[in-house]
Amino acid sequence: MAQEGGQIAPPHKHVVLRPTYRVENIVASADLNIELDLYGLASSSHDIDYEPEQFPGAILKIHEPKAALLLFKNGKMICTGARTVADVNRAVAQAVELIKKFRASHHVR
């Protein structure tokens, strides 16, 4: 039964619900189709935390747009915390650039 003004509305009364909402968090997954050196990446950037005893993925914190990416050894990524698809795209692009720079500096193909 729906509540109306603090009272329970009778079951025969039509109650109109008009929910309001806003997007707080988008979760997206991506696959780079390469193997990642999580130890190397973590040592190359202060924005990446990697503690394999605690969690099998490295955590990359993106500051603008605010998002976090979980990076896994098999090249899969999870982006969380972004509020728009455009923010997901920007966060993933930043992660890709960071990974490309790391691989180039370490001559990884």
N, C-alpha and C. Protein backbone atom coordinates (compact mmCIF):
# COMPACT_ATOMS: atom_id res chain seq x y z
N MET A 1 0.83 -1.18 0.00
CA MET A 1 0.00 0.00 0.00
C MET A 1 0.88 1.25 0.00
N ALA A 2 0.48 2.25 -0.73
CA ALA A 2 1.24 3.49 -0.84
C ALA A 2 0.88 4.42 0.30
N GLN A 3 1.83 5.24 0.68
CA GLN A 3 1.56 6.22 1.73
C GLN A 3 1.17 7.55 1.11
N GLU A 4 0.23 8.19 1.72
CA GLU A 4 -0.23 9.49 1.24
C GLU A 4 -0.29 10.42 2.44
N GLY A 5 0.64 11.40 2.48
CA GLY A 5 0.65 12.35 3.60
C GLY A 5 0.87 11.68 4.93
N GLY A 6 1.67 10.63 4.96
CA GLY A 6 1.96 9.95 6.21
C GLY A 6 0.95 8.87 6.54
N GLN A 7 -0.13 8.79 5.76
CA GLN A 7 -1.13 7.75 5.99
C GLN A 7 -1.07 6.75 4.86
N ILE A 8 -1.52 5.58 5.12
CA ILE A 8 -1.53 4.55 4.09
C ILE A 8 -2.76 4.75 3.21
N ALA A 9 -2.49 4.86 1.88
CA ALA A 9 -3.59 5.07 0.94
C ALA A 9 -4.35 3.75 0.76
N PRO A 10 -5.64 3.81 0.65
CA PRO A 10 -6.42 2.59 0.42
C PRO A 10 -6.01 1.95 -0.91
N PRO A 11 -6.07 0.64 -1.03
CA PRO A 11 -5.62 -0.05 -2.24
C PRO A 11 -6.38 0.36 -3.50
N HIS A 12 -7.59 0.87 -3.38
CA HIS A 12 -8.37 1.25 -4.56
C HIS A 12 -8.01 2.64 -5.07
N LYS A 13 -7.27 3.42 -4.28
CA LYS A 13 -6.91 4.78 -4.69
C LYS A 13 -5.67 4.73 -5.58
N HIS A 14 -5.73 5.44 -6.71
CA HIS A 14 -4.62 5.50 -7.65
C HIS A 14 -3.56 6.46 -7.13
N VAL A 15 -2.34 5.97 -6.99
CA VAL A 15 -1.23 6.79 -6.51
C VAL A 15 -0.26 6.99 -7.67
N VAL A 16 0.09 8.22 -7.95
CA VAL A 16 1.02 8.54 -9.03
C VAL A 16 2.41 8.72 -8.43
N LEU A 17 3.36 7.97 -8.98
CA LEU A 17 4.74 8.08 -8.53
C LEU A 17 5.53 8.83 -9.58
N ARG A 18 6.24 9.84 -9.15
CA ARG A 18 7.09 10.61 -10.06
C ARG A 18 8.50 10.66 -9.48
N PRO A 19 9.26 9.59 -9.68
CA PRO A 19 10.61 9.58 -9.09
C PRO A 19 11.54 10.58 -9.77
N THR A 20 12.42 11.12 -8.99
CA THR A 20 13.49 11.95 -9.54
C THR A 20 14.78 11.16 -9.37
N TYR A 21 15.69 11.35 -10.27
CA TYR A 21 16.95 10.63 -10.18
C TYR A 21 18.04 11.41 -10.88
N ARG A 22 19.27 11.01 -10.60
CA ARG A 22 20.42 11.54 -11.31
C ARG A 22 21.47 10.43 -11.37
N VAL A 23 22.25 10.45 -12.40
CA VAL A 23 23.30 9.44 -12.56
C VAL A 23 24.45 9.81 -11.63
N GLU A 24 24.85 8.88 -10.80
CA GLU A 24 25.94 9.09 -9.85
C GLU A 24 27.19 8.32 -10.24
N ASN A 25 27.01 7.20 -10.91
CA ASN A 25 28.13 6.30 -11.14
C ASN A 25 27.85 5.43 -12.36
N ILE A 26 28.75 5.47 -13.31
CA ILE A 26 28.67 4.59 -14.47
C ILE A 26 29.81 3.59 -14.33
N VAL A 27 29.52 2.33 -14.59
CA VAL A 27 30.56 1.30 -14.59
C VAL A 27 30.70 0.80 -16.01
N ALA A 28 31.93 0.80 -16.51
CA ALA A 28 32.19 0.36 -17.88
C ALA A 28 33.38 -0.59 -17.88
N SER A 29 33.36 -1.54 -18.80
CA SER A 29 34.50 -2.45 -18.91
C SER A 29 35.14 -2.28 -20.28
N ALA A 30 36.44 -2.56 -20.33
CA ALA A 30 37.19 -2.45 -21.58
C ALA A 30 38.23 -3.56 -21.60
N ASP A 31 38.69 -3.87 -22.79
CA ASP A 31 39.73 -4.89 -22.95
C ASP A 31 40.80 -4.33 -23.87
N LEU A 32 42.02 -4.22 -23.38
CA LEU A 32 43.13 -3.69 -24.17
C LEU A 32 43.75 -4.76 -25.08
N ASN A 33 43.40 -6.01 -24.84
CA ASN A 33 43.93 -7.14 -25.62
C ASN A 33 45.45 -7.23 -25.56
N ILE A 34 46.02 -6.84 -24.42
CA ILE A 34 47.45 -7.00 -24.17
C ILE A 34 47.62 -7.41 -22.72
N GLU A 35 48.79 -7.91 -22.38
CA GLU A 35 49.08 -8.22 -20.98
C GLU A 35 49.73 -6.99 -20.36
N LEU A 36 49.34 -6.69 -19.12
CA LEU A 36 49.86 -5.51 -18.44
C LEU A 36 50.85 -5.90 -17.34
N ASP A 37 51.90 -5.11 -17.20
CA ASP A 37 52.86 -5.24 -16.11
C ASP A 37 52.39 -4.32 -14.99
N LEU A 38 51.60 -4.86 -14.09
CA LEU A 38 50.99 -4.03 -13.05
C LEU A 38 52.03 -3.49 -12.06
N TYR A 39 53.05 -4.28 -11.75
CA TYR A 39 54.11 -3.77 -10.87
C TYR A 39 54.81 -2.59 -11.52
N GLY A 40 55.16 -2.73 -12.80
CA GLY A 40 55.85 -1.66 -13.51
C GLY A 40 55.00 -0.41 -13.63
N LEU A 41 53.73 -0.60 -13.97
CA LEU A 41 52.83 0.55 -14.08
C LEU A 41 52.71 1.28 -12.74
N ALA A 42 52.56 0.52 -11.67
CA ALA A 42 52.40 1.13 -10.35
C ALA A 42 53.65 1.90 -9.95
N SER A 43 54.82 1.37 -10.32
CA SER A 43 56.05 2.08 -9.95
C SER A 43 56.29 3.30 -10.83
N SER A 44 55.61 3.37 -11.98
CA SER A 44 55.82 4.49 -12.89
C SER A 44 54.87 5.67 -12.62
N SER A 45 53.85 5.45 -11.82
CA SER A 45 52.87 6.52 -11.59
C SER A 45 52.39 6.52 -10.14
N HIS A 46 52.39 7.69 -9.52
CA HIS A 46 51.89 7.79 -8.15
C HIS A 46 50.36 7.69 -8.10
N ASP A 47 49.70 7.71 -9.27
CA ASP A 47 48.24 7.59 -9.31
C ASP A 47 47.77 6.13 -9.39
N ILE A 48 48.72 5.18 -9.42
CA ILE A 48 48.37 3.76 -9.51
C ILE A 48 48.80 3.05 -8.23
N ASP A 49 47.85 2.39 -7.59
CA ASP A 49 48.13 1.57 -6.41
C ASP A 49 47.99 0.11 -6.80
N TYR A 50 48.98 -0.69 -6.42
CA TYR A 50 48.92 -2.12 -6.71
C TYR A 50 49.41 -2.89 -5.51
N GLU A 51 48.51 -3.59 -4.87
CA GLU A 51 48.83 -4.45 -3.74
C GLU A 51 48.20 -5.80 -3.99
N PRO A 52 48.92 -6.68 -4.72
CA PRO A 52 48.33 -7.96 -5.13
C PRO A 52 47.90 -8.86 -3.97
N GLU A 53 48.45 -8.63 -2.78
CA GLU A 53 48.02 -9.42 -1.62
C GLU A 53 46.59 -9.04 -1.22
N GLN A 54 46.22 -7.80 -1.52
CA GLN A 54 44.90 -7.29 -1.15
C GLN A 54 43.86 -7.46 -2.25
N PHE A 55 44.31 -7.24 -3.51
CA PHE A 55 43.38 -7.24 -4.65
C PHE A 55 44.19 -7.51 -5.91
N PRO A 56 43.69 -8.33 -6.83
CA PRO A 56 44.48 -8.72 -8.00
C PRO A 56 44.66 -7.64 -9.07
N GLY A 57 43.97 -6.52 -8.92
CA GLY A 57 44.09 -5.46 -9.93
C GLY A 57 44.78 -4.23 -9.36
N ALA A 58 45.32 -3.44 -10.27
CA ALA A 58 45.90 -2.15 -9.89
C ALA A 58 44.79 -1.11 -9.98
N ILE A 59 44.84 -0.13 -9.11
CA ILE A 59 43.81 0.92 -9.09
C ILE A 59 44.43 2.22 -9.58
N LEU A 60 43.92 2.71 -10.69
CA LEU A 60 44.36 3.98 -11.27
C LEU A 60 43.32 5.04 -10.95
N LYS A 61 43.74 6.08 -10.25
CA LYS A 61 42.82 7.17 -9.92
C LYS A 61 43.00 8.28 -10.93
N ILE A 62 41.92 8.62 -11.61
CA ILE A 62 41.89 9.72 -12.57
C ILE A 62 41.27 10.90 -11.83
N HIS A 63 41.90 12.06 -11.93
CA HIS A 63 41.42 13.21 -11.18
C HIS A 63 40.43 14.07 -11.96
N GLU A 64 40.61 14.16 -13.27
CA GLU A 64 39.69 14.95 -14.09
C GLU A 64 39.47 14.25 -15.43
N PRO A 65 38.33 13.66 -15.64
CA PRO A 65 37.15 13.60 -14.77
C PRO A 65 37.42 12.64 -13.62
N LYS A 66 36.72 12.82 -12.54
CA LYS A 66 36.93 11.96 -11.38
C LYS A 66 36.42 10.56 -11.70
N ALA A 67 37.34 9.59 -11.66
CA ALA A 67 36.99 8.20 -11.93
C ALA A 67 38.12 7.32 -11.40
N ALA A 68 37.84 6.05 -11.28
CA ALA A 68 38.86 5.07 -10.91
C ALA A 68 38.80 3.94 -11.92
N LEU A 69 39.97 3.46 -12.31
CA LEU A 69 40.04 2.33 -13.23
C LEU A 69 40.76 1.19 -12.55
N LEU A 70 40.17 0.03 -12.64
CA LEU A 70 40.83 -1.18 -12.16
C LEU A 70 41.51 -1.79 -13.37
N LEU A 71 42.81 -2.00 -13.26
CA LEU A 71 43.60 -2.56 -14.35
C LEU A 71 44.01 -3.97 -13.95
N PHE A 72 43.81 -4.92 -14.85
CA PHE A 72 44.15 -6.29 -14.57
C PHE A 72 45.25 -6.77 -15.51
N LYS A 73 46.02 -7.75 -15.05
CA LYS A 73 47.16 -8.26 -15.80
C LYS A 73 46.77 -8.72 -17.21
N ASN A 74 45.57 -9.26 -17.36
CA ASN A 74 45.12 -9.76 -18.66
C ASN A 74 44.68 -8.66 -19.62
N GLY A 75 44.85 -7.39 -19.22
CA GLY A 75 44.51 -6.28 -20.09
C GLY A 75 43.09 -5.78 -19.97
N LYS A 76 42.33 -6.38 -19.10
CA LYS A 76 40.95 -5.91 -18.91
C LYS A 76 40.96 -4.73 -17.93
N MET A 77 40.01 -3.82 -18.13
CA MET A 77 39.87 -2.64 -17.28
C MET A 77 38.40 -2.47 -16.90
N ILE A 78 38.20 -1.97 -15.71
CA ILE A 78 36.87 -1.57 -15.25
C ILE A 78 36.98 -0.10 -14.86
N CYS A 79 36.12 0.71 -15.43
CA CYS A 79 36.07 2.14 -15.08
C CYS A 79 34.84 2.35 -14.21
N THR A 80 35.03 3.00 -13.10
CA THR A 80 33.92 3.26 -12.20
C THR A 80 34.01 4.69 -11.66
N GLY A 81 32.86 5.22 -11.29
CA GLY A 81 32.83 6.54 -10.69
C GLY A 81 32.55 7.68 -11.65
N ALA A 82 32.66 7.43 -12.95
CA ALA A 82 32.35 8.48 -13.92
C ALA A 82 30.85 8.74 -13.91
N ARG A 83 30.47 9.96 -14.26
CA ARG A 83 29.05 10.32 -14.24
C ARG A 83 28.42 10.41 -15.63
N THR A 84 29.26 10.43 -16.68
CA THR A 84 28.74 10.49 -18.04
C THR A 84 29.56 9.55 -18.92
N VAL A 85 29.02 9.20 -20.06
CA VAL A 85 29.75 8.36 -21.01
C VAL A 85 30.97 9.11 -21.52
N ALA A 86 30.84 10.43 -21.69
CA ALA A 86 31.99 11.24 -22.12
C ALA A 86 33.11 11.16 -21.09
N ASP A 87 32.77 11.17 -19.80
CA ASP A 87 33.78 11.05 -18.75
C ASP A 87 34.44 9.67 -18.78
N VAL A 88 33.67 8.64 -19.06
CA VAL A 88 34.24 7.29 -19.20
C VAL A 88 35.26 7.31 -20.34
N ASN A 89 34.88 7.88 -21.48
CA ASN A 89 35.78 7.94 -22.63
C ASN A 89 37.07 8.68 -22.28
N ARG A 90 36.95 9.80 -21.60
CA ARG A 90 38.13 10.58 -21.22
C ARG A 90 39.01 9.83 -20.24
N ALA A 91 38.42 9.17 -19.26
CA ALA A 91 39.19 8.43 -18.25
C ALA A 91 39.92 7.25 -18.89
N VAL A 92 39.23 6.51 -19.75
CA VAL A 92 39.86 5.37 -20.43
C VAL A 92 40.98 5.86 -21.34
N ALA A 93 40.76 6.97 -22.04
CA ALA A 93 41.80 7.52 -22.92
C ALA A 93 43.04 7.91 -22.11
N GLN A 94 42.85 8.48 -20.93
CA GLN A 94 43.99 8.83 -20.07
C GLN A 94 44.74 7.57 -19.63
N ALA A 95 44.00 6.52 -19.29
CA ALA A 95 44.64 5.27 -18.90
C ALA A 95 45.44 4.68 -20.05
N VAL A 96 44.86 4.71 -21.24
CA VAL A 96 45.55 4.18 -22.43
C VAL A 96 46.83 4.96 -22.69
N GLU A 97 46.79 6.29 -22.58
CA GLU A 97 47.99 7.10 -22.79
C GLU A 97 49.06 6.76 -21.77
N LEU A 98 48.67 6.62 -20.51
CA LEU A 98 49.63 6.28 -19.47
C LEU A 98 50.27 4.91 -19.77
N ILE A 99 49.47 3.94 -20.17
CA ILE A 99 49.97 2.60 -20.48
C ILE A 99 50.89 2.64 -21.70
N LYS A 100 50.50 3.41 -22.73
CA LYS A 100 51.35 3.53 -23.93
C LYS A 100 52.71 4.12 -23.59
N LYS A 101 52.72 5.18 -22.77
CA LYS A 101 53.98 5.81 -22.38
C LYS A 101 54.85 4.84 -21.60
N PHE A 102 54.24 4.10 -20.68
CA PHE A 102 55.00 3.12 -19.90
C PHE A 102 55.60 2.06 -20.81
N ARG A 103 54.78 1.52 -21.73
CA ARG A 103 55.27 0.47 -22.62
C ARG A 103 56.35 0.99 -23.55
N ALA A 104 56.22 2.22 -24.02
CA ALA A 104 57.23 2.80 -24.90
C ALA A 104 58.55 3.00 -24.15
N SER A 105 58.47 3.46 -22.91
CA SER A 105 59.68 3.70 -22.14
C SER A 105 60.37 2.40 -21.71
N HIS A 106 59.63 1.31 -21.75
CA HIS A 106 60.19 0.01 -21.38
C HIS A 106 60.33 -0.92 -22.59
N HIS A 107 60.13 -0.37 -23.77
CA HIS A 107 60.27 -1.10 -25.04
C HIS A 107 59.46 -2.40 -25.06
N VAL A 108 58.23 -2.32 -24.54
CA VAL A 108 57.33 -3.47 -24.55
C VAL A 108 56.47 -3.39 -25.79
N ARG A 109 56.34 -4.49 -26.47
CA ARG A 109 55.48 -4.51 -27.67
C ARG A 109 54.15 -5.13 -27.39
